[in-house]
Amino acid sequence: MQCAVRIAVAAWFAVGTAPAPAATPPDEIGVLTCTVGPIVNASASDTSVGNEAREMLCSFKTGQGPEETYAALMTSIGGRTAEGRAILWSVRAPLGTRYSPGLLQQTYAADRATPAGQVPPLIGERNDMISLYTLTQKPPGAVSKEEQPAPALIVADMDLVLKTAVG
């Protein structure tokens, strides 16, 4: 009987002290494919490598709704992004997120909590439950290396504006 009382008392003290369950990881809801366009407000003599703003045309494909086209403005840090290059993102949101037209329309900013040397995801500023994870290719053998090469290009922020939804 004393053992049962001790267990009950211990259980009573433990209530509220157990760690909260981890937040549900975001689920991929689609893929955003963007084609890099021209540099915005660049002079012909500007050949520096660093921050640059570029126009992009993006297509969002999800199994929940029609394909959407977005106009985008991307600000990057690091190496130059070649015009015409395609950049792909895995679009993630909590499980059960319902599709609505213009779901991605907002400003995204790089997650400042990302460890150095890693490519940060872009987190929505209006709806921080939507995030964009780059699907960049790593050089052969880089995935298994203990030390990963530093990313050559980091997207600092991006604005997406819905243009069309087809389907």
C-alpha atoms as a PDB file:
ATOM      1  CA  MET A   1       0.000   0.000   0.000  1.00  0.00           C
ATOM      2  CA  GLN A   2       2.837   2.417   0.866  1.00  0.00           C
ATOM      3  CA  CYS A   3       4.367   1.768  -2.540  1.00  0.00           C
ATOM      4  CA  ALA A   4       1.114   2.770  -4.269  1.00  0.00           C
ATOM      5  CA  VAL A   5       0.947   5.986  -2.200  1.00  0.00           C
ATOM      6  CA  ARG A   6       4.549   6.863  -3.061  1.00  0.00           C
ATOM      7  CA  ILE A   7       3.864   6.301  -6.761  1.00  0.00           C
ATOM      8  CA  ALA A   8       0.742   8.466  -6.607  1.00  0.00           C
ATOM      9  CA  VAL A   9       2.627  11.273  -4.800  1.00  0.00           C
ATOM     10  CA  ALA A  10       5.521  11.071  -7.277  1.00  0.00           C
ATOM     11  CA  ALA A  11       3.092  11.174 -10.188  1.00  0.00           C
ATOM     12  CA  TRP A  12       1.331  14.186  -8.674  1.00  0.00           C
ATOM     13  CA  PHE A  13       4.652  16.078  -8.377  1.00  0.00           C
ATOM     14  CA  ALA A  14       5.641  15.096 -11.900  1.00  0.00           C
ATOM     15  CA  VAL A  15       2.503  16.614 -13.436  1.00  0.00           C
ATOM     16  CA  GLY A  16       3.536  19.772 -15.243  1.00  0.00           C
ATOM     17  CA  THR A  17       7.231  18.984 -15.015  1.00  0.00           C
ATOM     18  CA  ALA A  18       7.343  16.662 -18.005  1.00  0.00           C
ATOM     19  CA  PRO A  19       8.765  18.268 -21.142  1.00  0.00           C
ATOM     20  CA  ALA A  20       6.155  19.500 -23.582  1.00  0.00           C
ATOM     21  CA  PRO A  21       5.929  17.451 -26.776  1.00  0.00           C
ATOM     22  CA  ALA A  22       8.013  18.863 -29.603  1.00  0.00           C
ATOM     23  CA  ALA A  23       6.209  20.993 -32.169  1.00  0.00           C
ATOM     24  CA  THR A  24       5.089  19.057 -35.207  1.00  0.00           C
ATOM     25  CA  PRO A  25       7.691  19.473 -37.953  1.00  0.00           C
ATOM     26  CA  PRO A  26       6.428  21.277 -41.032  1.00  0.00           C
ATOM     27  CA  ASP A  27       5.098  19.131 -43.862  1.00  0.00           C
ATOM     28  CA  GLU A  28       6.011  19.723 -47.519  1.00  0.00           C
ATOM     29  CA  ILE A  29       2.937  21.134 -49.259  1.00  0.00           C
ATOM     30  CA  GLY A  30       4.513  21.856 -52.634  1.00  0.00           C
ATOM     31  CA  VAL A  31       7.510  23.039 -54.616  1.00  0.00           C
ATOM     32  CA  LEU A  32       8.296  26.626 -55.613  1.00  0.00           C
ATOM     33  CA  THR A  33      10.456  26.925 -58.742  1.00  0.00           C
ATOM     34  CA  CYS A  34      11.887  30.371 -59.500  1.00  0.00           C
ATOM     35  CA  THR A  35      13.797  31.592 -62.536  1.00  0.00           C
ATOM     36  CA  VAL A  36      16.271  34.338 -61.704  1.00  0.00           C
ATOM     37  CA  GLY A  37      15.832  37.549 -63.666  1.00  0.00           C
ATOM     38  CA  PRO A  38      17.793  40.791 -63.998  1.00  0.00           C
ATOM     39  CA  ILE A  39      19.383  42.751 -61.163  1.00  0.00           C
ATOM     40  CA  VAL A  40      17.149  45.578 -59.976  1.00  0.00           C
ATOM     41  CA  ASN A  41      18.632  49.113 -59.987  1.00  0.00           C
ATOM     42  CA  ALA A  42      22.138  48.033 -61.017  1.00  0.00           C
ATOM     43  CA  SER A  43      24.404  50.284 -63.024  1.00  0.00           C
ATOM     44  CA  ALA A  44      26.509  48.905 -65.862  1.00  0.00           C
ATOM     45  CA  SER A  45      29.687  49.613 -63.869  1.00  0.00           C
ATOM     46  CA  ASP A  46      28.490  47.670 -60.789  1.00  0.00           C
ATOM     47  CA  THR A  47      30.554  44.481 -60.800  1.00  0.00           C
ATOM     48  CA  SER A  48      30.847  43.961 -57.040  1.00  0.00           C
ATOM     49  CA  VAL A  49      29.930  40.651 -55.468  1.00  0.00           C
ATOM     50  CA  GLY A  50      27.648  40.953 -52.492  1.00  0.00           C
ATOM     51  CA  ASN A  51      24.120  42.052 -51.853  1.00  0.00           C
ATOM     52  CA  GLU A  52      21.979  42.165 -54.951  1.00  0.00           C
ATOM     53  CA  ALA A  53      18.255  42.361 -55.578  1.00  0.00           C
ATOM     54  CA  ARG A  54      16.891  40.379 -58.504  1.00  0.00           C
ATOM     55  CA  GLU A  55      13.508  39.944 -60.100  1.00  0.00           C
ATOM     56  CA  MET A  56      12.251  36.378 -60.375  1.00  0.00           C
ATOM     57  CA  LEU A  57       9.311  34.570 -61.918  1.00  0.00           C
ATOM     58  CA  CYS A  58       8.107  31.661 -59.776  1.00  0.00           C
ATOM     59  CA  SER A  59       5.749  28.725 -60.176  1.00  0.00           C
ATOM     60  CA  PHE A  60       4.161  27.010 -57.158  1.00  0.00           C
ATOM     61  CA  LYS A  61       2.914  23.453 -57.617  1.00  0.00           C
ATOM     62  CA  THR A  62       0.887  21.714 -54.955  1.00  0.00           C
ATOM     63  CA  GLY A  63      -1.412  18.729 -55.001  1.00  0.00           C
ATOM     64  CA  GLN A  64      -4.086  20.781 -53.218  1.00  0.00           C
ATOM     65  CA  GLY A  65      -4.914  23.422 -55.802  1.00  0.00           C
ATOM     66  CA  PRO A  66      -4.086  25.005 -59.147  1.00  0.00           C
ATOM     67  CA  GLU A  67      -0.572  25.903 -60.192  1.00  0.00           C
ATOM     68  CA  GLU A  68       0.197  29.503 -59.217  1.00  0.00           C
ATOM     69  CA  THR A  69       2.573  32.023 -60.757  1.00  0.00           C
ATOM     70  CA  TYR A  70       4.273  34.593 -58.543  1.00  0.00           C
ATOM     71  CA  ALA A  71       6.425  37.631 -59.275  1.00  0.00           C
ATOM     72  CA  ALA A  72       9.274  37.819 -56.799  1.00  0.00           C
ATOM     73  CA  LEU A  73      12.031  40.139 -55.658  1.00  0.00           C
ATOM     74  CA  MET A  74      14.961  38.318 -54.059  1.00  0.00           C
ATOM     75  CA  THR A  75      17.830  39.855 -52.117  1.00  0.00           C
ATOM     76  CA  SER A  76      20.873  37.608 -51.874  1.00  0.00           C
ATOM     77  CA  ILE A  77      24.205  37.700 -50.074  1.00  0.00           C
ATOM     78  CA  GLY A  78      27.367  36.143 -51.420  1.00  0.00           C
ATOM     79  CA  GLY A  79      28.146  35.151 -54.972  1.00  0.00           C
ATOM     80  CA  ARG A  80      26.270  36.459 -57.969  1.00  0.00           C
ATOM     81  CA  THR A  81      23.195  34.577 -59.087  1.00  0.00           C
ATOM     82  CA  ALA A  82      23.267  33.909 -62.813  1.00  0.00           C
ATOM     83  CA  GLU A  83      20.311  35.280 -64.754  1.00  0.00           C
ATOM     84  CA  GLY A  84      18.171  32.413 -66.033  1.00  0.00           C
ATOM     85  CA  ARG A  85      19.228  30.076 -63.201  1.00  0.00           C
ATOM     86  CA  ALA A  86      16.449  28.060 -61.576  1.00  0.00           C
ATOM     87  CA  ILE A  87      16.168  27.956 -57.793  1.00  0.00           C
ATOM     88  CA  LEU A  88      13.882  25.392 -56.164  1.00  0.00           C
ATOM     89  CA  TRP A  89      12.332  25.519 -52.707  1.00  0.00           C
ATOM     90  CA  SER A  90      10.407  22.952 -50.722  1.00  0.00           C
ATOM     91  CA  VAL A  91       7.371  24.816 -49.353  1.00  0.00           C
ATOM     92  CA  ARG A  92       6.579  23.644 -45.840  1.00  0.00           C
ATOM     93  CA  ALA A  93       3.650  24.316 -43.542  1.00  0.00           C
ATOM     94  CA  PRO A  94       1.982  22.518 -40.630  1.00  0.00           C
ATOM     95  CA  LEU A  95       0.178  19.298 -41.446  1.00  0.00           C
ATOM     96  CA  GLY A  96      -3.407  20.089 -42.410  1.00  0.00           C
ATOM     97  CA  THR A  97      -2.682  23.527 -43.881  1.00  0.00           C
ATOM     98  CA  ARG A  98      -5.468  24.239 -46.353  1.00  0.00           C
ATOM     99  CA  TYR A  99      -4.754  25.668 -49.771  1.00  0.00           C
ATOM    100  CA  SER A 100      -6.079  29.131 -50.556  1.00  0.00           C
ATOM    101  CA  PRO A 101      -5.227  31.277 -53.602  1.00  0.00           C
ATOM    102  CA  GLY A 102      -2.177  33.407 -52.908  1.00  0.00           C
ATOM    103  CA  LEU A 103      -1.120  31.228 -49.963  1.00  0.00           C
ATOM    104  CA  LEU A 104       2.548  32.137 -50.495  1.00  0.00           C
ATOM    105  CA  GLN A 105       2.013  35.877 -51.082  1.00  0.00           C
ATOM    106  CA  GLN A 106       4.100  37.607 -48.403  1.00  0.00           C
ATOM    107  CA  THR A 107       7.642  38.620 -47.508  1.00  0.00           C
ATOM    108  CA  TYR A 108      10.045  35.900 -46.386  1.00  0.00           C
ATOM    109  CA  ALA A 109      13.273  36.430 -44.438  1.00  0.00           C
ATOM    110  CA  ALA A 110      16.201  34.132 -43.697  1.00  0.00           C
ATOM    111  CA  ASP A 111      15.904  32.325 -40.365  1.00  0.00           C
ATOM    112  CA  ARG A 112      18.504  33.999 -38.137  1.00  0.00           C
ATOM    113  CA  ALA A 113      18.620  30.939 -35.843  1.00  0.00           C
ATOM    114  CA  THR A 114      20.270  28.847 -38.572  1.00  0.00           C
ATOM    115  CA  PRO A 115      23.801  27.712 -37.599  1.00  0.00           C
ATOM    116  CA  ALA A 116      26.721  29.289 -39.479  1.00  0.00           C
ATOM    117  CA  GLY A 117      27.686  27.500 -42.682  1.00  0.00           C
ATOM    118  CA  GLN A 118      24.164  26.234 -43.379  1.00  0.00           C
ATOM    119  CA  VAL A 119      21.635  27.585 -45.848  1.00  0.00           C
ATOM    120  CA  PRO A 120      18.852  29.187 -43.798  1.00  0.00           C
ATOM    121  CA  PRO A 121      15.230  28.534 -44.637  1.00  0.00           C
ATOM    122  CA  LEU A 122      13.059  31.531 -45.505  1.00  0.00           C
ATOM    123  CA  ILE A 123      10.325  32.137 -42.924  1.00  0.00           C
ATOM    124  CA  GLY A 124       7.122  34.002 -43.763  1.00  0.00           C
ATOM    125  CA  GLU A 125       6.817  37.355 -41.998  1.00  0.00           C
ATOM    126  CA  ARG A 126       2.997  37.629 -42.106  1.00  0.00           C
ATOM    127  CA  ASN A 127       2.433  33.886 -41.637  1.00  0.00           C
ATOM    128  CA  ASP A 128       5.513  32.336 -40.015  1.00  0.00           C
ATOM    129  CA  MET A 129       3.972  28.869 -40.308  1.00  0.00           C
ATOM    130  CA  ILE A 130       4.960  28.856 -44.007  1.00  0.00           C
ATOM    131  CA  SER A 131       8.643  28.347 -44.743  1.00  0.00           C
ATOM    132  CA  LEU A 132      10.793  27.808 -47.832  1.00  0.00           C
ATOM    133  CA  TYR A 133      13.717  25.366 -47.729  1.00  0.00           C
ATOM    134  CA  THR A 134      16.167  25.482 -50.615  1.00  0.00           C
ATOM    135  CA  LEU A 135      16.638  22.335 -52.671  1.00  0.00           C
ATOM    136  CA  THR A 136      20.178  23.246 -53.725  1.00  0.00           C
ATOM    137  CA  GLN A 137      22.485  20.651 -55.145  1.00  0.00           C
ATOM    138  CA  LYS A 138      25.586  19.840 -53.100  1.00  0.00           C
ATOM    139  CA  PRO A 139      28.900  19.002 -54.804  1.00  0.00           C
ATOM    140  CA  PRO A 140      29.615  15.261 -55.173  1.00  0.00           C
ATOM    141  CA  GLY A 141      30.782  13.791 -51.852  1.00  0.00           C
ATOM    142  CA  ALA A 142      29.802  16.874 -49.839  1.00  0.00           C
ATOM    143  CA  VAL A 143      26.813  15.231 -48.161  1.00  0.00           C
ATOM    144  CA  SER A 144      28.962  12.616 -46.424  1.00  0.00           C
ATOM    145  CA  LYS A 145      31.727  15.014 -45.361  1.00  0.00           C
ATOM    146  CA  GLU A 146      31.868  16.043 -41.728  1.00  0.00           C
ATOM    147  CA  GLU A 147      32.694  19.625 -42.703  1.00  0.00           C
ATOM    148  CA  GLN A 148      30.201  21.007 -45.166  1.00  0.00           C
ATOM    149  CA  PRO A 149      31.313  23.688 -47.637  1.00  0.00           C
ATOM    150  CA  ALA A 150      29.950  27.143 -46.846  1.00  0.00           C
ATOM    151  CA  PRO A 151      27.009  28.102 -49.071  1.00  0.00           C
ATOM    152  CA  ALA A 152      28.093  30.282 -51.993  1.00  0.00           C
ATOM    153  CA  LEU A 153      24.780  32.120 -52.090  1.00  0.00           C
ATOM    154  CA  ILE A 154      22.351  32.903 -49.303  1.00  0.00           C
ATOM    155  CA  VAL A 155      18.928  34.374 -49.960  1.00  0.00           C
ATOM    156  CA  ALA A 156      18.393  37.073 -47.331  1.00  0.00           C
ATOM    157  CA  ASP A 157      14.776  37.851 -48.154  1.00  0.00           C
ATOM    158  CA  MET A 158      12.166  37.461 -50.840  1.00  0.00           C
ATOM    159  CA  ASP A 159       8.804  39.083 -51.620  1.00  0.00           C
ATOM    160  CA  LEU A 160       6.218  36.954 -53.448  1.00  0.00           C
ATOM    161  CA  VAL A 161       3.197  38.500 -55.196  1.00  0.00           C
ATOM    162  CA  LEU A 162       0.542  36.283 -56.817  1.00  0.00           C
ATOM    163  CA  LYS A 163       0.147  36.867 -60.565  1.00  0.00           C
ATOM    164  CA  THR A 164      -2.053  33.976 -61.749  1.00  0.00           C
ATOM    165  CA  ALA A 165      -3.567  30.696 -60.610  1.00  0.00           C
ATOM    166  CA  VAL A 166      -4.179  28.213 -63.432  1.00  0.00           C
ATOM    167  CA  GLY A 167      -6.130  25.013 -63.099  1.00  0.00           C
END
